[in-house]
C-alpha atoms as a PDB file:
ATOM      1  CA  UNK A   1       2.743  -6.508  -4.979  1.00  0.00           C
ATOM      2  CA  UNK A   2       3.501  -5.185  -1.501  1.00  0.00           C
ATOM      3  CA  UNK A   3       2.109  -6.357   1.802  1.00  0.00           C
ATOM      4  CA  UNK A   4       2.468  -5.248   5.397  1.00  0.00           C
ATOM      5  CA  UNK A   5       2.635  -7.445   8.507  1.00  0.00           C
ATOM      6  CA  UNK A   6       1.008  -6.327  11.744  1.00  0.00           C
ATOM      7  CA  UNK A   7       2.039  -8.053  14.954  1.00  0.00           C
ATOM      8  CA  UNK A   8      -0.161  -8.531  18.010  1.00  0.00           C
ATOM      9  CA  UNK A   9       2.380  -8.357  20.847  1.00  0.00           C
ATOM     10  CA  UNK A  10      -0.086  -8.282  23.750  1.00  0.00           C
ATOM     11  CA  UNK A  11       1.295 -11.663  24.800  1.00  0.00           C
ATOM     12  CA  UNK A  12       5.104 -11.651  24.224  1.00  0.00           C
ATOM     13  CA  UNK A  13       5.181 -15.446  24.537  1.00  0.00           C
ATOM     14  CA  UNK A  14       2.565 -15.882  21.823  1.00  0.00           C
ATOM     15  CA  UNK A  15       3.201 -13.332  19.063  1.00  0.00           C
ATOM     16  CA  UNK A  16       0.669 -13.344  16.217  1.00  0.00           C
ATOM     17  CA  UNK A  17       0.862 -11.525  12.935  1.00  0.00           C
ATOM     18  CA  UNK A  18      -1.517 -10.786  10.102  1.00  0.00           C
ATOM     19  CA  UNK A  19      -0.675  -9.736   6.537  1.00  0.00           C
ATOM     20  CA  UNK A  20      -2.496  -6.673   5.218  1.00  0.00           C
ATOM     21  CA  UNK A  21      -2.619  -5.781   1.523  1.00  0.00           C
ATOM     22  CA  UNK A  22      -2.084  -2.064   0.758  1.00  0.00           C
ATOM     23  CA  UNK A  23      -4.537  -1.000  -1.938  1.00  0.00           C
ATOM     24  CA  UNK A  24      -5.181   2.026  -4.122  1.00  0.00           C
ATOM     25  CA  UNK A  25      -8.802   3.237  -4.403  1.00  0.00           C
ATOM     26  CA  UNK A  26     -10.361   3.353  -7.874  1.00  0.00           C
ATOM     27  CA  UNK A  27     -13.459   4.968  -9.370  1.00  0.00           C
ATOM     28  CA  UNK A  28     -14.002   7.466  -6.560  1.00  0.00           C
ATOM     29  CA  UNK A  29     -13.510   4.832  -3.862  1.00  0.00           C
ATOM     30  CA  UNK A  30     -16.014   2.300  -5.210  1.00  0.00           C
ATOM     31  CA  UNK A  31     -13.275  -0.244  -5.975  1.00  0.00           C
ATOM     32  CA  UNK A  32      -9.573  -0.829  -5.306  1.00  0.00           C
ATOM     33  CA  UNK A  33      -6.464  -2.450  -6.761  1.00  0.00           C
ATOM     34  CA  UNK A  34      -3.288  -3.758  -5.174  1.00  0.00           C
ATOM     35  CA  UNK A  35      -0.295  -1.453  -4.787  1.00  0.00           C
ATOM     36  CA  UNK A  36       1.770  -2.617  -7.780  1.00  0.00           C
ATOM     37  CA  UNK A  37       5.210  -1.746  -6.552  1.00  0.00           C
ATOM     38  CA  UNK A  38       7.991  -2.562  -4.184  1.00  0.00           C
ATOM     39  CA  UNK A  39       7.769  -0.457  -1.057  1.00  0.00           C
ATOM     40  CA  UNK A  40      11.036   1.401  -0.619  1.00  0.00           C
ATOM     41  CA  UNK A  41      10.469   2.868   2.826  1.00  0.00           C
ATOM     42  CA  UNK A  42       7.855   3.397   5.525  1.00  0.00           C
ATOM     43  CA  UNK A  43       7.221   5.862   8.302  1.00  0.00           C
ATOM     44  CA  UNK A  44       4.538   5.359  10.928  1.00  0.00           C
ATOM     45  CA  UNK A  45       3.455   8.754  12.285  1.00  0.00           C
ATOM     46  CA  UNK A  46       0.511   8.892  14.710  1.00  0.00           C
ATOM     47  CA  UNK A  47      -2.276   6.999  12.886  1.00  0.00           C
ATOM     48  CA  UNK A  48      -0.757   7.354   9.394  1.00  0.00           C
ATOM     49  CA  UNK A  49       1.563   5.028   7.512  1.00  0.00           C
ATOM     50  CA  UNK A  50       3.577   6.755   4.766  1.00  0.00           C
ATOM     51  CA  UNK A  51       4.969   4.402   2.134  1.00  0.00           C
ATOM     52  CA  UNK A  52       7.283   5.113  -0.791  1.00  0.00           C
ATOM     53  CA  UNK A  53       6.991   3.020  -3.912  1.00  0.00           C
ATOM     54  CA  UNK A  54       9.520   2.404  -6.630  1.00  0.00           C
ATOM     55  CA  UNK A  55       9.231   0.229  -9.691  1.00  0.00           C
ATOM     56  CA  UNK A  56       8.704   0.740 -13.395  1.00  0.00           C
ATOM     57  CA  UNK A  57       4.902   0.710 -13.417  1.00  0.00           C
ATOM     58  CA  UNK A  58       1.978   2.987 -12.592  1.00  0.00           C
ATOM     59  CA  UNK A  59       3.074   3.340  -8.957  1.00  0.00           C
ATOM     60  CA  UNK A  60       6.659   4.416  -9.768  1.00  0.00           C
ATOM     61  CA  UNK A  61       8.036   7.156  -7.513  1.00  0.00           C
ATOM     62  CA  UNK A  62       4.853   7.831  -5.545  1.00  0.00           C
ATOM     63  CA  UNK A  63       4.499   8.423  -1.820  1.00  0.00           C
ATOM     64  CA  UNK A  64       1.225   6.945  -0.493  1.00  0.00           C
ATOM     65  CA  UNK A  65      -0.466   7.790   2.795  1.00  0.00           C
ATOM     66  CA  UNK A  66      -2.501   5.125   4.594  1.00  0.00           C
ATOM     67  CA  UNK A  67      -4.761   5.604   7.630  1.00  0.00           C
ATOM     68  CA  UNK A  68      -4.218   2.906  10.266  1.00  0.00           C
ATOM     69  CA  UNK A  69      -7.846   3.359  11.373  1.00  0.00           C
ATOM     70  CA  UNK A  70      -9.189   2.337   7.958  1.00  0.00           C
ATOM     71  CA  UNK A  71      -8.165  -1.301   7.672  1.00  0.00           C
ATOM     72  CA  UNK A  72     -10.977  -3.244   6.005  1.00  0.00           C
ATOM     73  CA  UNK A  73     -11.766  -6.955   6.045  1.00  0.00           C
ATOM     74  CA  UNK A  74     -12.229  -8.822   2.756  1.00  0.00           C
ATOM     75  CA  UNK A  75     -15.532 -10.672   2.443  1.00  0.00           C
ATOM     76  CA  UNK A  76     -14.656 -13.053  -0.419  1.00  0.00           C
ATOM     77  CA  UNK A  77     -11.620 -15.353  -0.524  1.00  0.00           C
ATOM     78  CA  UNK A  78     -10.348 -15.361  -4.110  1.00  0.00           C
ATOM     79  CA  UNK A  79      -7.252 -14.489  -6.108  1.00  0.00           C
ATOM     80  CA  UNK A  80      -8.898 -11.285  -7.349  1.00  0.00           C
ATOM     81  CA  UNK A  81      -8.274  -7.874  -5.802  1.00  0.00           C
ATOM     82  CA  UNK A  82     -11.166  -5.460  -5.457  1.00  0.00           C
ATOM     83  CA  UNK A  83     -14.901  -5.646  -5.937  1.00  0.00           C
ATOM     84  CA  UNK A  84     -16.047  -9.125  -6.968  1.00  0.00           C
ATOM     85  CA  UNK A  85     -19.328 -10.999  -7.133  1.00  0.00           C
ATOM     86  CA  UNK A  86     -20.517 -11.320  -3.553  1.00  0.00           C
ATOM     87  CA  UNK A  87     -18.308  -8.645  -1.979  1.00  0.00           C
ATOM     88  CA  UNK A  88     -14.638  -7.699  -1.741  1.00  0.00           C
ATOM     89  CA  UNK A  89     -11.505  -9.761  -2.322  1.00  0.00           C
ATOM     90  CA  UNK A  90      -7.832  -9.244  -1.482  1.00  0.00           C
ATOM     91  CA  UNK A  91      -5.906 -11.993  -3.313  1.00  0.00           C
ATOM     92  CA  UNK A  92      -6.349 -14.394  -0.404  1.00  0.00           C
ATOM     93  CA  UNK A  93      -5.466 -11.862   2.298  1.00  0.00           C
ATOM     94  CA  UNK A  94      -8.111 -11.154   4.935  1.00  0.00           C
ATOM     95  CA  UNK A  95      -7.457  -7.418   5.227  1.00  0.00           C
ATOM     96  CA  UNK A  96      -6.742  -4.397   3.038  1.00  0.00           C
ATOM     97  CA  UNK A  97      -5.597  -0.900   3.906  1.00  0.00           C
ATOM     98  CA  UNK A  98      -6.682   1.665   1.284  1.00  0.00           C
ATOM     99  CA  UNK A  99      -4.516   4.702   0.579  1.00  0.00           C
ATOM    100  CA  UNK A 100      -6.127   7.981   1.615  1.00  0.00           C
ATOM    101  CA  UNK A 101      -3.735  10.181  -0.343  1.00  0.00           C
ATOM    102  CA  UNK A 102      -0.623  10.267  -2.488  1.00  0.00           C
ATOM    103  CA  UNK A 103       2.170  12.584  -3.569  1.00  0.00           C
ATOM    104  CA  UNK A 104       4.156  12.462  -6.780  1.00  0.00           C
ATOM    105  CA  UNK A 105       6.540  14.881  -8.425  1.00  0.00           C
ATOM    106  CA  UNK A 106       5.696  17.066 -11.398  1.00  0.00           C
ATOM    107  CA  UNK A 107       7.464  16.054 -14.585  1.00  0.00           C
ATOM    108  CA  UNK A 108       7.043  12.311 -14.239  1.00  0.00           C
ATOM    109  CA  UNK A 109       8.940   9.546 -12.559  1.00  0.00           C
ATOM    110  CA  UNK A 110      12.611   9.747 -11.746  1.00  0.00           C
ATOM    111  CA  UNK A 111      15.281   7.624 -13.340  1.00  0.00           C
ATOM    112  CA  UNK A 112      18.608   6.591 -11.892  1.00  0.00           C
ATOM    113  CA  UNK A 113      19.908   6.363 -15.464  1.00  0.00           C
ATOM    114  CA  UNK A 114      20.039  10.141 -15.872  1.00  0.00           C
ATOM    115  CA  UNK A 115      20.501  13.161 -13.615  1.00  0.00           C
ATOM    116  CA  UNK A 116      17.510  15.371 -14.363  1.00  0.00           C
ATOM    117  CA  UNK A 117      17.172  16.898 -10.864  1.00  0.00           C
ATOM    118  CA  UNK A 118      14.053  14.892  -9.987  1.00  0.00           C
ATOM    119  CA  UNK A 119      14.454  13.010  -6.697  1.00  0.00           C
ATOM    120  CA  UNK A 120      13.338   9.417  -6.360  1.00  0.00           C
ATOM    121  CA  UNK A 121      11.099   8.366  -3.471  1.00  0.00           C
ATOM    122  CA  UNK A 122      13.274   5.302  -2.894  1.00  0.00           C
ATOM    123  CA  UNK A 123      13.114   5.497   0.876  1.00  0.00           C
ATOM    124  CA  UNK A 124      12.214   7.799   3.699  1.00  0.00           C
ATOM    125  CA  UNK A 125      13.849   8.151   7.076  1.00  0.00           C
END
């Protein structure tokens, strides 16, 4: 499960950071789940964070787009991720950042074990 640290550097002598859990919307945006992959690379462009994922699961070889203006605060502190009784939980994290879009390649996920001409979203520069 990935996570992203944001640093408040307004006071260089007193840096503070906060972990944010990247999440994938479910059921038309009425719920969410954690990004279930290692994050291979990130690019911050204007107010968007573009993240590549790689791992052998449902998020394999997908590029997710997150909007930095859409960070949400969890309302319930539990080990669950998503909609729970009484509100929203983020596995103990206080904040989540839902993906607003994704890109994947036609033909399925890539594999480094064979050369089938499908690139892997391992990292972005």
